[in-house]
Amino acid sequence: MPQPPTTPALSLNNINISIAGKEICHDINLTINPGECHILIGPNGSGKSTLLCAIMGIKPFTITSGTILLNGVDITTYGITDRARAGLGLAFQRPIGLEGVSVRRLAHALGATHRLETAAHRLGVDYLIDRDVNTGFSGGELKRWEVAKLELQDPQVCLFDEPESGVDLQQVGVVSTAINHLMTTPTASGKHRAALAITHTGFLLDGVDATAGHLMVDGRIIETANPRDLFERIRRTGYVPTA
């Protein structure tokens, strides 16, 4: 018998995003199925981080039209807390510090104390467990802890905002391997994860099995291709779509 169609983990349908009345992202359409990791590429200022923040429901990024579906459920009007509860998680590019809140205390608040040491060890940040969250962390420590944080949150759909930026070459491998481990490990409820990750360097592809690459320029996705092929083409011709 034919298999029923898979419900996408994340669907963006004709999304337009504005900040203070200025439209930044235009007519974004994207479908990510369970088990898939998509890569978002583009020049600085093209709207990539804006898109991820808007998907997560972070203000002041405003979705002015279109819909976001998470496992077929319209979450467009959800606030950030409800989106997180529904299964969205974001590893920030520049996470804020939480003075007075230790990593261990945050893990306890997330109900994930049992996963803390394993996740921290995998990312090589065991020594940060009793430090205040993101306070005094180096650039590389911030990025590694953000990936570990997603392991604690256990989202089905993971958003990564330049997880390899500010990380030395040796630790890029640690980060990408940890992301791949997260992606290939089902959620606590048994669901296959999906991801959308921004990268400028392409180093992430050395450890992450990416399904598709999307080129974003001036707030629009203008090309979709095999991620490695897309990076190679950009190296040759720049941010110009193929004919």
C-alpha atoms as a PDB file:
ATOM      1  CA  MET A   1       0.000   0.000   0.000  1.00  0.00           C
ATOM      2  CA  PRO A   2       1.223   3.539  -0.671  1.00  0.00           C
ATOM      3  CA  GLN A   3       2.576   5.348   2.365  1.00  0.00           C
ATOM      4  CA  PRO A   4       0.659   8.414   3.595  1.00  0.00           C
ATOM      5  CA  PRO A   5       2.402  11.712   2.830  1.00  0.00           C
ATOM      6  CA  THR A   6       4.817  12.969   5.475  1.00  0.00           C
ATOM      7  CA  THR A   7       3.679  16.023   7.405  1.00  0.00           C
ATOM      8  CA  PRO A   8       6.487  18.596   7.146  1.00  0.00           C
ATOM      9  CA  ALA A   9       8.216  19.423  10.403  1.00  0.00           C
ATOM     10  CA  LEU A  10       8.348  23.091   9.377  1.00  0.00           C
ATOM     11  CA  SER A  11       6.532  24.913   6.583  1.00  0.00           C
ATOM     12  CA  LEU A  12       6.925  28.591   5.736  1.00  0.00           C
ATOM     13  CA  ASN A  13       4.213  29.765   3.369  1.00  0.00           C
ATOM     14  CA  ASN A  14       4.558  33.153   1.646  1.00  0.00           C
ATOM     15  CA  ILE A  15       6.178  34.709   4.705  1.00  0.00           C
ATOM     16  CA  ASN A  16       6.866  38.453   4.785  1.00  0.00           C
ATOM     17  CA  ILE A  17       8.765  39.945   7.738  1.00  0.00           C
ATOM     18  CA  SER A  18       9.099  43.567   8.827  1.00  0.00           C
ATOM     19  CA  ILE A  19      11.017  45.500  11.475  1.00  0.00           C
ATOM     20  CA  ALA A  20       9.592  48.889  12.522  1.00  0.00           C
ATOM     21  CA  GLY A  21       7.448  48.941   9.406  1.00  0.00           C
ATOM     22  CA  LYS A  22      10.300  48.147   7.006  1.00  0.00           C
ATOM     23  CA  GLU A  23       9.933  44.880   5.118  1.00  0.00           C
ATOM     24  CA  ILE A  24      13.088  42.757   5.375  1.00  0.00           C
ATOM     25  CA  CYS A  25      12.072  39.314   4.078  1.00  0.00           C
ATOM     26  CA  HIS A  26       9.769  38.784   1.125  1.00  0.00           C
ATOM     27  CA  ASP A  27       7.616  35.845   0.028  1.00  0.00           C
ATOM     28  CA  ILE A  28       9.600  33.138   1.833  1.00  0.00           C
ATOM     29  CA  ASN A  29       8.471  29.598   1.042  1.00  0.00           C
ATOM     30  CA  LEU A  30      10.300  26.689   2.635  1.00  0.00           C
ATOM     31  CA  THR A  31       9.419  23.128   3.598  1.00  0.00           C
ATOM     32  CA  ILE A  32      11.601  20.983   5.869  1.00  0.00           C
ATOM     33  CA  ASN A  33      10.596  17.386   6.509  1.00  0.00           C
ATOM     34  CA  PRO A  34      11.454  15.326   9.602  1.00  0.00           C
ATOM     35  CA  GLY A  35      15.045  14.119   9.370  1.00  0.00           C
ATOM     36  CA  GLU A  36      16.159  16.963   7.087  1.00  0.00           C
ATOM     37  CA  CYS A  37      18.716  19.699   7.739  1.00  0.00           C
ATOM     38  CA  HIS A  38      18.586  22.716   5.426  1.00  0.00           C
ATOM     39  CA  ILE A  39      21.363  25.280   5.094  1.00  0.00           C
ATOM     40  CA  LEU A  40      20.730  29.010   4.604  1.00  0.00           C
ATOM     41  CA  ILE A  41      23.466  30.941   2.821  1.00  0.00           C
ATOM     42  CA  GLY A  42      23.754  34.573   1.768  1.00  0.00           C
ATOM     43  CA  PRO A  43      25.658  37.843   2.114  1.00  0.00           C
ATOM     44  CA  ASN A  44      25.589  39.910   5.295  1.00  0.00           C
ATOM     45  CA  GLY A  45      22.362  41.849   5.693  1.00  0.00           C
ATOM     46  CA  SER A  46      20.344  39.575   3.425  1.00  0.00           C
ATOM     47  CA  GLY A  47      17.769  38.733   6.107  1.00  0.00           C
ATOM     48  CA  LYS A  48      18.936  35.297   7.248  1.00  0.00           C
ATOM     49  CA  SER A  49      19.048  36.004  10.989  1.00  0.00           C
ATOM     50  CA  THR A  50      15.836  38.014  10.709  1.00  0.00           C
ATOM     51  CA  LEU A  51      14.128  34.952   9.249  1.00  0.00           C
ATOM     52  CA  LEU A  52      15.272  32.653  12.065  1.00  0.00           C
ATOM     53  CA  CYS A  53      14.282  35.156  14.757  1.00  0.00           C
ATOM     54  CA  ALA A  54      10.855  35.634  13.182  1.00  0.00           C
ATOM     55  CA  ILE A  55      10.310  31.871  12.993  1.00  0.00           C
ATOM     56  CA  MET A  56      11.133  31.701  16.716  1.00  0.00           C
ATOM     57  CA  GLY A  57       8.744  34.572  17.492  1.00  0.00           C
ATOM     58  CA  ILE A  58      11.353  37.039  18.739  1.00  0.00           C
ATOM     59  CA  LYS A  59      10.389  40.719  18.814  1.00  0.00           C
ATOM     60  CA  PRO A  60      10.628  43.203  17.082  1.00  0.00           C
ATOM     61  CA  PHE A  61      10.586  40.894  14.042  1.00  0.00           C
ATOM     62  CA  THR A  62       6.991  40.899  12.795  1.00  0.00           C
ATOM     63  CA  ILE A  63       5.395  38.478  10.344  1.00  0.00           C
ATOM     64  CA  THR A  64       3.099  40.724   8.323  1.00  0.00           C
ATOM     65  CA  SER A  65       1.675  37.994   6.086  1.00  0.00           C
ATOM     66  CA  GLY A  66       1.965  34.280   5.461  1.00  0.00           C
ATOM     67  CA  THR A  67       1.887  31.308   7.815  1.00  0.00           C
ATOM     68  CA  ILE A  68       4.288  29.126   9.799  1.00  0.00           C
ATOM     69  CA  LEU A  69       3.257  25.516  10.304  1.00  0.00           C
ATOM     70  CA  LEU A  70       4.963  23.250  12.827  1.00  0.00           C
ATOM     71  CA  ASN A  71       3.953  19.630  12.224  1.00  0.00           C
ATOM     72  CA  GLY A  72       0.926  20.923  10.351  1.00  0.00           C
ATOM     73  CA  VAL A  73      -0.177  23.243  13.173  1.00  0.00           C
ATOM     74  CA  ASP A  74      -0.363  26.974  12.419  1.00  0.00           C
ATOM     75  CA  ILE A  75       1.865  28.694  15.005  1.00  0.00           C
ATOM     76  CA  THR A  76       2.011  32.089  13.269  1.00  0.00           C
ATOM     77  CA  THR A  77       0.244  33.846  16.149  1.00  0.00           C
ATOM     78  CA  TYR A  78       2.092  31.961  18.919  1.00  0.00           C
ATOM     79  CA  GLY A  79       4.460  33.837  21.201  1.00  0.00           C
ATOM     80  CA  ILE A  80       8.040  32.684  21.713  1.00  0.00           C
ATOM     81  CA  THR A  81       7.209  30.594  24.802  1.00  0.00           C
ATOM     82  CA  ASP A  82       4.405  28.716  23.080  1.00  0.00           C
ATOM     83  CA  ARG A  83       6.592  28.112  20.025  1.00  0.00           C
ATOM     84  CA  ALA A  84       9.273  26.627  22.258  1.00  0.00           C
ATOM     85  CA  ARG A  85       6.696  24.416  23.957  1.00  0.00           C
ATOM     86  CA  ALA A  86       5.434  23.319  20.534  1.00  0.00           C
ATOM     87  CA  GLY A  87       8.913  22.091  19.591  1.00  0.00           C
ATOM     88  CA  LEU A  88      10.989  24.992  18.216  1.00  0.00           C
ATOM     89  CA  GLY A  89      14.469  25.808  19.474  1.00  0.00           C
ATOM     90  CA  LEU A  90      17.056  28.416  18.449  1.00  0.00           C
ATOM     91  CA  ALA A  91      20.815  28.454  18.985  1.00  0.00           C
ATOM     92  CA  PHE A  92      21.510  32.183  19.001  1.00  0.00           C
ATOM     93  CA  GLN A  93      24.382  33.872  17.211  1.00  0.00           C
ATOM     94  CA  ARG A  94      24.886  36.329  20.098  1.00  0.00           C
ATOM     95  CA  PRO A  95      23.177  34.885  23.181  1.00  0.00           C
ATOM     96  CA  ILE A  96      22.636  37.160  26.165  1.00  0.00           C
ATOM     97  CA  GLY A  97      24.177  36.476  29.548  1.00  0.00           C
ATOM     98  CA  LEU A  98      22.079  35.409  32.530  1.00  0.00           C
ATOM     99  CA  GLU A  99      23.885  36.616  35.630  1.00  0.00           C
ATOM    100  CA  GLY A 100      22.857  34.729  38.740  1.00  0.00           C
ATOM    101  CA  VAL A 101      21.562  31.741  36.760  1.00  0.00           C
ATOM    102  CA  SER A 102      24.031  28.881  36.486  1.00  0.00           C
ATOM    103  CA  VAL A 103      24.056  26.405  33.630  1.00  0.00           C
ATOM    104  CA  ARG A 104      23.119  23.693  36.127  1.00  0.00           C
ATOM    105  CA  ARG A 105      20.174  25.738  37.411  1.00  0.00           C
ATOM    106  CA  LEU A 106      18.934  26.372  33.863  1.00  0.00           C
ATOM    107  CA  ALA A 107      19.118  22.651  33.095  1.00  0.00           C
ATOM    108  CA  HIS A 108      17.064  21.965  36.216  1.00  0.00           C
ATOM    109  CA  ALA A 109      14.459  24.543  35.133  1.00  0.00           C
ATOM    110  CA  LEU A 110      14.236  22.790  31.760  1.00  0.00           C
ATOM    111  CA  GLY A 111      13.762  19.434  33.469  1.00  0.00           C
ATOM    112  CA  ALA A 112      16.934  18.236  31.768  1.00  0.00           C
ATOM    113  CA  THR A 113      19.432  17.763  34.585  1.00  0.00           C
ATOM    114  CA  HIS A 114      19.838  14.131  33.524  1.00  0.00           C
ATOM    115  CA  ARG A 115      21.029  15.254  30.062  1.00  0.00           C
ATOM    116  CA  LEU A 116      23.292  18.090  31.174  1.00  0.00           C
ATOM    117  CA  GLU A 117      26.589  16.308  31.809  1.00  0.00           C
ATOM    118  CA  THR A 118      26.362  14.193  28.642  1.00  0.00           C
ATOM    119  CA  ALA A 119      25.563  17.203  26.447  1.00  0.00           C
ATOM    120  CA  ALA A 120      28.230  19.370  28.084  1.00  0.00           C
ATOM    121  CA  HIS A 121      30.846  16.638  27.730  1.00  0.00           C
ATOM    122  CA  ARG A 122      30.014  16.134  24.046  1.00  0.00           C
ATOM    123  CA  LEU A 123      30.636  19.847  23.407  1.00  0.00           C
ATOM    124  CA  GLY A 124      33.660  20.043  25.705  1.00  0.00           C
ATOM    125  CA  VAL A 125      32.037  22.556  28.063  1.00  0.00           C
ATOM    126  CA  ASP A 126      31.804  20.450  31.229  1.00  0.00           C
ATOM    127  CA  TYR A 127      33.717  23.121  33.147  1.00  0.00           C
ATOM    128  CA  LEU A 128      30.967  25.683  32.453  1.00  0.00           C
ATOM    129  CA  ILE A 129      28.231  23.781  34.289  1.00  0.00           C
ATOM    130  CA  ASP A 130      28.514  25.805  37.503  1.00  0.00           C
ATOM    131  CA  ARG A 131      29.140  29.143  35.761  1.00  0.00           C
ATOM    132  CA  ASP A 132      26.420  31.708  35.075  1.00  0.00           C
ATOM    133  CA  VAL A 133      24.836  31.152  31.657  1.00  0.00           C
ATOM    134  CA  ASN A 134      26.747  32.928  28.856  1.00  0.00           C
ATOM    135  CA  THR A 135      28.514  35.178  31.371  1.00  0.00           C
ATOM    136  CA  GLY A 136      32.201  35.610  30.618  1.00  0.00           C
ATOM    137  CA  PHE A 137      32.120  32.849  28.007  1.00  0.00           C
ATOM    138  CA  SER A 138      34.471  33.141  25.031  1.00  0.00           C
ATOM    139  CA  GLY A 139      33.000  33.236  21.525  1.00  0.00           C
ATOM    140  CA  GLY A 140      33.671  29.547  21.042  1.00  0.00           C
ATOM    141  CA  GLU A 141      32.250  28.649  24.463  1.00  0.00           C
ATOM    142  CA  LEU A 142      29.070  30.573  23.677  1.00  0.00           C
ATOM    143  CA  LYS A 143      28.512  28.655  20.446  1.00  0.00           C
ATOM    144  CA  ARG A 144      29.264  25.255  21.966  1.00  0.00           C
ATOM    145  CA  TRP A 145      26.971  25.930  24.925  1.00  0.00           C
ATOM    146  CA  GLU A 146      24.155  27.051  22.584  1.00  0.00           C
ATOM    147  CA  VAL A 147      24.235  23.643  20.867  1.00  0.00           C
ATOM    148  CA  ALA A 148      24.350  21.887  24.248  1.00  0.00           C
ATOM    149  CA  LYS A 149      21.375  24.015  25.343  1.00  0.00           C
ATOM    150  CA  LEU A 150      19.316  22.664  22.440  1.00  0.00           C
ATOM    151  CA  GLU A 151      20.074  19.127  23.610  1.00  0.00           C
ATOM    152  CA  LEU A 152      18.575  20.098  26.967  1.00  0.00           C
ATOM    153  CA  GLN A 153      15.521  21.775  25.417  1.00  0.00           C
ATOM    154  CA  ASP A 154      14.873  18.764  23.157  1.00  0.00           C
ATOM    155  CA  PRO A 155      13.089  20.614  20.301  1.00  0.00           C
ATOM    156  CA  GLN A 156      11.925  18.825  17.187  1.00  0.00           C
ATOM    157  CA  VAL A 157      12.855  21.730  14.903  1.00  0.00           C
ATOM    158  CA  CYS A 158      16.266  23.280  15.568  1.00  0.00           C
ATOM    159  CA  LEU A 159      17.332  26.680  14.246  1.00  0.00           C
ATOM    160  CA  PHE A 160      21.058  27.487  14.208  1.00  0.00           C
ATOM    161  CA  ASP A 161      22.280  31.055  13.631  1.00  0.00           C
ATOM    162  CA  GLU A 162      25.885  30.743  12.394  1.00  0.00           C
ATOM    163  CA  PRO A 163      26.918  28.052  14.883  1.00  0.00           C
ATOM    164  CA  GLU A 164      30.514  27.983  13.605  1.00  0.00           C
ATOM    165  CA  SER A 165      31.218  31.741  13.692  1.00  0.00           C
ATOM    166  CA  GLY A 166      33.757  32.728  16.323  1.00  0.00           C
ATOM    167  CA  VAL A 167      34.819  29.092  16.753  1.00  0.00           C
ATOM    168  CA  ASP A 168      38.347  27.927  15.940  1.00  0.00           C
ATOM    169  CA  LEU A 169      38.804  25.269  13.269  1.00  0.00           C
ATOM    170  CA  GLN A 170      39.292  22.430  15.739  1.00  0.00           C
ATOM    171  CA  GLN A 171      36.119  23.311  17.635  1.00  0.00           C
ATOM    172  CA  VAL A 172      34.099  23.724  14.415  1.00  0.00           C
ATOM    173  CA  GLY A 173      34.416  19.958  14.062  1.00  0.00           C
ATOM    174  CA  VAL A 174      33.186  19.484  17.631  1.00  0.00           C
ATOM    175  CA  VAL A 175      30.188  21.759  17.009  1.00  0.00           C
ATOM    176  CA  SER A 176      29.223  20.223  13.666  1.00  0.00           C
ATOM    177  CA  THR A 177      29.564  16.680  15.022  1.00  0.00           C
ATOM    178  CA  ALA A 178      27.372  17.586  18.010  1.00  0.00           C
ATOM    179  CA  ILE A 179      24.754  19.125  15.713  1.00  0.00           C
ATOM    180  CA  ASN A 180      24.768  15.981  13.600  1.00  0.00           C
ATOM    181  CA  HIS A 181      24.350  13.862  16.753  1.00  0.00           C
ATOM    182  CA  LEU A 182      21.402  16.015  17.820  1.00  0.00           C
ATOM    183  CA  MET A 183      19.845  15.718  14.375  1.00  0.00           C
ATOM    184  CA  THR A 184      20.160  11.940  14.255  1.00  0.00           C
ATOM    185  CA  THR A 185      18.805  11.420  17.778  1.00  0.00           C
ATOM    186  CA  PRO A 186      14.987  11.397  18.043  1.00  0.00           C
ATOM    187  CA  THR A 187      13.258  13.651  20.537  1.00  0.00           C
ATOM    188  CA  ALA A 188      12.160  12.254  23.888  1.00  0.00           C
ATOM    189  CA  SER A 189       8.736  11.702  22.313  1.00  0.00           C
ATOM    190  CA  GLY A 190      10.266   9.729  19.434  1.00  0.00           C
ATOM    191  CA  LYS A 191      10.000  12.356  16.678  1.00  0.00           C
ATOM    192  CA  HIS A 192      12.671  12.824  14.019  1.00  0.00           C
ATOM    193  CA  ARG A 193      14.241  16.262  14.203  1.00  0.00           C
ATOM    194  CA  ALA A 194      14.570  18.859  11.455  1.00  0.00           C
ATOM    195  CA  ALA A 195      16.861  21.874  11.231  1.00  0.00           C
ATOM    196  CA  LEU A 196      17.546  25.147   9.459  1.00  0.00           C
ATOM    197  CA  ALA A 197      21.092  26.460   9.895  1.00  0.00           C
ATOM    198  CA  ILE A 198      22.791  29.639   8.723  1.00  0.00           C
ATOM    199  CA  THR A 199      26.413  29.318   7.644  1.00  0.00           C
ATOM    200  CA  HIS A 200      28.830  31.674   5.904  1.00  0.00           C
ATOM    201  CA  THR A 201      31.840  29.389   5.693  1.00  0.00           C
ATOM    202  CA  GLY A 202      30.340  26.029   4.790  1.00  0.00           C
ATOM    203  CA  PHE A 203      32.527  24.325   7.412  1.00  0.00           C
ATOM    204  CA  LEU A 204      29.332  23.032   8.999  1.00  0.00           C
ATOM    205  CA  LEU A 205      28.885  20.696   6.039  1.00  0.00           C
ATOM    206  CA  ASP A 206      31.988  18.724   7.079  1.00  0.00           C
ATOM    207  CA  GLY A 207      30.072  17.241  10.003  1.00  0.00           C
ATOM    208  CA  VAL A 208      26.392  17.763   9.218  1.00  0.00           C
ATOM    209  CA  ASP A 209      24.481  15.740   6.642  1.00  0.00           C
ATOM    210  CA  ALA A 210      22.601  18.631   5.028  1.00  0.00           C
ATOM    211  CA  THR A 211      19.705  17.939   2.682  1.00  0.00           C
ATOM    212  CA  ALA A 212      19.336  21.248   0.823  1.00  0.00           C
ATOM    213  CA  GLY A 213      20.955  24.658   0.561  1.00  0.00           C
ATOM    214  CA  HIS A 214      19.073  27.920   0.054  1.00  0.00           C
ATOM    215  CA  LEU A 215      20.654  31.155  -1.186  1.00  0.00           C
ATOM    216  CA  MET A 216      19.108  34.293   0.309  1.00  0.00           C
ATOM    217  CA  VAL A 217      19.768  37.720  -1.209  1.00  0.00           C
ATOM    218  CA  ASP A 218      17.953  40.973  -0.395  1.00  0.00           C
ATOM    219  CA  GLY A 219      15.410  39.180   1.767  1.00  0.00           C
ATOM    220  CA  ARG A 220      14.430  36.583  -0.825  1.00  0.00           C
ATOM    221  CA  ILE A 221      15.363  32.945  -1.339  1.00  0.00           C
ATOM    222  CA  ILE A 222      16.564  33.035  -4.930  1.00  0.00           C
ATOM    223  CA  GLU A 223      18.113  29.595  -5.368  1.00  0.00           C
ATOM    224  CA  THR A 224      17.816  26.121  -3.848  1.00  0.00           C
ATOM    225  CA  ALA A 225      20.297  23.351  -4.604  1.00  0.00           C
ATOM    226  CA  ASN A 226      22.499  20.649  -3.142  1.00  0.00           C
ATOM    227  CA  PRO A 227      24.312  22.536  -0.342  1.00  0.00           C
ATOM    228  CA  ARG A 228      27.839  21.525  -1.371  1.00  0.00           C
ATOM    229  CA  ASP A 229      27.149  22.321  -5.016  1.00  0.00           C
ATOM    230  CA  LEU A 230      25.694  25.673  -3.994  1.00  0.00           C
ATOM    231  CA  PHE A 231      28.764  26.600  -1.930  1.00  0.00           C
ATOM    232  CA  GLU A 232      31.093  25.591  -4.734  1.00  0.00           C
ATOM    233  CA  ARG A 233      29.101  27.666  -7.225  1.00  0.00           C
ATOM    234  CA  ILE A 234      29.177  30.694  -4.892  1.00  0.00           C
ATOM    235  CA  ARG A 235      32.957  30.378  -4.547  1.00  0.00           C
ATOM    236  CA  ARG A 236      33.244  30.529  -8.335  1.00  0.00           C
ATOM    237  CA  THR A 237      30.653  33.160  -9.273  1.00  0.00           C
ATOM    238  CA  GLY A 238      29.542  34.858  -6.043  1.00  0.00           C
ATOM    239  CA  TYR A 239      25.993  35.434  -4.862  1.00  0.00           C
ATOM    240  CA  VAL A 240      24.499  35.279  -8.341  1.00  0.00           C
ATOM    241  CA  PRO A 241      21.769  32.713  -9.052  1.00  0.00           C
ATOM    242  CA  THR A 242      22.279  30.186 -11.794  1.00  0.00           C
ATOM    243  CA  ALA A 243      20.398  30.779 -15.031  1.00  0.00           C
END
